């Protein structure tokens, strides 16, 4: 079990870009480079097209990332205060919410933010995909229907050996489910 932690907004955006937007970013860079080359060789108006890609298309791609991936349950819980519990069956995320359960969407006062309600979400081991090392932790992508990813920082554990044990458990789950899902 980890301590309560949360992912910063900048780290969240960077992880989403690395996981879901690299082909879009490389494509946009290729278009911008081609337009810049065309502007240098023939007509300066191609520079305007390059700037349109940067200032119009790029923000639309990032909005798409946020709405299509960032609002998924597994992604959204990364930026809320939460803790993770690991088992051979999967990962349970205990998320601290600042809203009451009245259904009116009222937000608890700032003084009660640490005393909010908690909700548990279970992510089965069968939905794990190959994890990626990111800084001092790992990013664990999840398959459909959950989708998204879980960020597991080493600093959330009481010791480095606990972190290594949790990552080892994820590795065992990946190997077990890969063997079970293989077709003869």
Protein backbone atom coordinates (compact mmCIF):
# COMPACT_ATOMS: atom_id res chain seq x y z
CA UNK A 1 0.00 0.00 0.00
CA UNK A 2 1.27 3.44 -0.88
CA UNK A 3 0.98 6.68 1.01
CA UNK A 4 -1.49 9.25 -0.29
CA UNK A 5 -0.07 11.09 -3.30
CA UNK A 6 -1.12 12.96 -6.42
CA UNK A 7 0.37 13.73 -9.82
CA UNK A 8 1.08 17.33 -10.79
CA UNK A 9 -0.76 18.81 -13.76
CA UNK A 10 2.44 19.25 -15.77
CA UNK A 11 3.54 15.65 -15.19
CA UNK A 12 0.02 14.48 -16.09
CA UNK A 13 0.08 16.40 -19.39
CA UNK A 14 3.59 15.14 -20.19
CA UNK A 15 2.58 11.52 -19.52
CA UNK A 16 -0.50 11.85 -21.71
CA UNK A 17 1.61 13.33 -24.51
CA UNK A 18 4.17 10.52 -24.27
CA UNK A 19 1.52 7.82 -24.27
CA UNK A 20 -1.04 9.13 -26.75
CA UNK A 21 0.26 12.07 -28.80
CA UNK A 22 3.75 11.30 -30.06
CA UNK A 23 2.64 10.47 -33.62
CA UNK A 24 0.58 13.68 -33.70
CA UNK A 25 3.49 15.75 -32.39
CA UNK A 26 5.94 14.27 -34.93
CA UNK A 27 3.38 14.83 -37.71
CA UNK A 28 2.87 18.46 -36.70
CA UNK A 29 6.63 19.01 -36.50
CA UNK A 30 7.05 17.57 -40.00
CA UNK A 31 4.34 19.90 -41.36
CA UNK A 32 5.88 22.92 -39.60
CA UNK A 33 9.34 22.03 -40.92
CA UNK A 34 8.03 21.58 -44.47
CA UNK A 35 6.19 24.92 -44.29
CA UNK A 36 9.27 26.65 -42.90
CA UNK A 37 11.37 25.21 -45.71
CA UNK A 38 8.78 26.32 -48.29
CA UNK A 39 8.74 29.79 -46.71
CA UNK A 40 12.53 30.04 -46.95
CA UNK A 41 12.68 28.78 -50.54
CA UNK A 42 9.63 30.29 -52.21
CA UNK A 43 7.02 32.33 -50.41
CA UNK A 44 6.93 33.76 -46.89
CA UNK A 45 3.17 33.05 -46.68
CA UNK A 46 4.05 29.42 -45.90
CA UNK A 47 5.28 30.75 -42.55
CA UNK A 48 1.68 31.75 -41.79
CA UNK A 49 0.57 28.17 -42.51
CA UNK A 50 3.26 26.88 -40.13
CA UNK A 51 2.06 29.26 -37.42
CA UNK A 52 -1.54 28.14 -38.02
CA UNK A 53 -0.47 24.55 -37.34
CA UNK A 54 1.27 25.63 -34.14
CA UNK A 55 -1.43 27.94 -32.78
CA UNK A 56 -4.65 26.35 -34.08
CA UNK A 57 -4.10 22.64 -34.69
CA UNK A 58 -1.85 21.92 -31.70
CA UNK A 59 -4.32 23.26 -29.07
CA UNK A 60 -7.07 21.18 -30.68
CA UNK A 61 -4.94 18.05 -30.38
CA UNK A 62 -4.29 18.80 -26.70
CA UNK A 63 -8.01 19.39 -26.08
CA UNK A 64 -8.74 16.05 -27.74
CA UNK A 65 -6.15 14.38 -25.48
CA UNK A 66 -7.74 15.88 -22.39
CA UNK A 67 -11.33 14.96 -23.26
CA UNK A 68 -10.62 11.55 -24.78
CA UNK A 69 -7.94 10.31 -22.39
CA UNK A 70 -7.51 12.70 -19.45
CA UNK A 71 -11.06 12.39 -18.18
CA UNK A 72 -11.00 8.59 -18.00
CA UNK A 73 -11.34 7.26 -14.48
CA UNK A 74 -7.86 5.78 -14.32
CA UNK A 75 -6.28 8.99 -15.62
CA UNK A 76 -8.36 11.38 -13.52
CA UNK A 77 -7.56 9.57 -10.28
CA UNK A 78 -3.85 10.33 -10.86
CA UNK A 79 -4.35 14.05 -10.22
CA UNK A 80 -6.55 13.56 -7.14
CA UNK A 81 -5.09 12.60 -3.75
CA UNK A 82 -5.11 8.80 -3.73
CA UNK A 83 -3.32 5.69 -2.53
CA UNK A 84 -2.78 2.38 -4.28
CA UNK A 85 -3.03 -1.15 -2.91
CA UNK A 86 -1.43 -3.96 -4.91
CA UNK A 87 -2.49 -7.60 -5.12
CA UNK A 88 -2.06 -10.47 -7.55
CA UNK A 89 -5.61 -9.76 -8.79
CA UNK A 90 -4.96 -6.08 -9.60
CA UNK A 91 -4.62 -2.60 -8.15
CA UNK A 92 -7.15 -0.85 -5.91
CA UNK A 93 -7.05 2.94 -5.95
CA UNK A 94 -8.55 4.71 -2.92
CA UNK A 95 -9.34 8.23 -4.07
CA UNK A 96 -10.09 11.09 -1.68
CA UNK A 97 -12.92 13.23 -2.98
CA UNK A 98 -13.80 16.72 -1.83
CA UNK A 99 -17.44 16.43 -2.86
CA UNK A 100 -20.30 15.18 -0.75
CA UNK A 101 -22.51 12.32 -1.87
CA UNK A 102 -25.68 14.44 -1.95
CA UNK A 103 -25.50 14.50 -5.73
CA UNK A 104 -25.75 18.28 -5.98
CA UNK A 105 -22.08 18.65 -6.91
CA UNK A 106 -21.33 20.92 -3.96
CA UNK A 107 -17.65 21.14 -3.11
CA UNK A 108 -16.58 20.74 0.50
CA UNK A 109 -14.95 23.80 2.11
CA UNK A 110 -11.16 24.03 1.86
CA UNK A 111 -10.77 23.27 5.59
CA UNK A 112 -12.48 19.89 5.07
CA UNK A 113 -10.47 18.96 1.96
CA UNK A 114 -8.40 16.37 3.87
CA UNK A 115 -11.49 14.89 5.50
CA UNK A 116 -13.46 14.20 2.34
CA UNK A 117 -15.11 10.97 1.40
CA UNK A 118 -13.12 8.19 -0.20
CA UNK A 119 -14.02 5.96 -3.12
CA UNK A 120 -12.31 2.77 -4.20
CA UNK A 121 -11.72 1.73 -7.79
CA UNK A 122 -10.35 -1.65 -8.80
CA UNK A 123 -8.23 -2.14 -11.90
CA UNK A 124 -7.91 -5.88 -12.71
CA UNK A 125 -4.53 -7.37 -13.58
CA UNK A 126 -5.89 -8.47 -16.97
CA UNK A 127 -6.11 -4.83 -18.04
CA UNK A 128 -2.41 -4.08 -17.38
CA UNK A 129 -0.21 -3.30 -20.35
CA UNK A 130 3.58 -3.04 -20.49
CA UNK A 131 4.67 -0.33 -18.05
CA UNK A 132 7.13 2.47 -18.83
CA UNK A 133 9.75 3.88 -16.50
CA UNK A 134 9.13 7.61 -16.06
CA UNK A 135 11.56 9.48 -13.85
CA UNK A 136 11.47 7.97 -10.36
CA UNK A 137 8.42 5.80 -10.95
CA UNK A 138 6.47 3.89 -13.56
CA UNK A 139 3.49 4.62 -15.78
CA UNK A 140 1.16 1.62 -16.14
CA UNK A 141 -1.11 1.84 -19.21
CA UNK A 142 -4.46 0.07 -18.94
CA UNK A 143 -6.38 -1.62 -21.74
CA UNK A 144 -10.01 -1.05 -22.63
CA UNK A 145 -12.60 -0.71 -21.21
CA UNK A 146 -10.78 1.23 -18.46
CA UNK A 147 -8.12 2.71 -20.71
CA UNK A 148 -5.87 5.43 -19.42
CA UNK A 149 -2.90 4.89 -17.14
CA UNK A 150 -1.84 4.76 -13.50
CA UNK A 151 1.24 6.61 -12.28
CA UNK A 152 3.17 4.75 -9.59
CA UNK A 153 5.94 6.92 -8.07
CA UNK A 154 8.68 5.36 -5.98
CA UNK A 155 8.32 8.17 -3.43
CA UNK A 156 4.81 7.02 -2.49
CA UNK A 157 6.20 3.85 -0.89
CA UNK A 158 7.76 3.61 2.56
CA UNK A 159 10.93 2.09 1.10
CA UNK A 160 12.54 1.39 -2.25
CA UNK A 161 12.17 -2.35 -1.67
CA UNK A 162 8.38 -1.94 -1.31
CA UNK A 163 8.33 -0.11 -4.65
CA UNK A 164 10.43 -2.85 -6.27
CA UNK A 165 8.08 -5.49 -4.84
CA UNK A 166 5.02 -3.68 -6.25
CA UNK A 167 6.62 -3.36 -9.70
CA UNK A 168 7.64 -7.01 -9.51
CA UNK A 169 4.04 -7.94 -8.75
CA UNK A 170 2.91 -5.97 -11.80
CA UNK A 171 5.51 -7.80 -13.89
CA UNK A 172 4.26 -11.17 -12.63
CA UNK A 173 0.67 -10.16 -13.45
CA UNK A 174 1.74 -9.12 -16.95
CA UNK A 175 3.54 -12.42 -17.55
CA UNK A 176 0.66 -14.47 -16.15
CA UNK A 177 -1.97 -12.73 -18.25
CA UNK A 178 0.20 -12.79 -21.37
CA UNK A 179 0.57 -16.56 -21.04
CA UNK A 180 -3.18 -17.00 -20.37
CA UNK A 181 -4.19 -14.81 -23.32
CA UNK A 182 -1.89 -16.42 -25.89
CA UNK A 183 -3.59 -18.51 -28.55
CA UNK A 184 -2.03 -21.89 -29.48
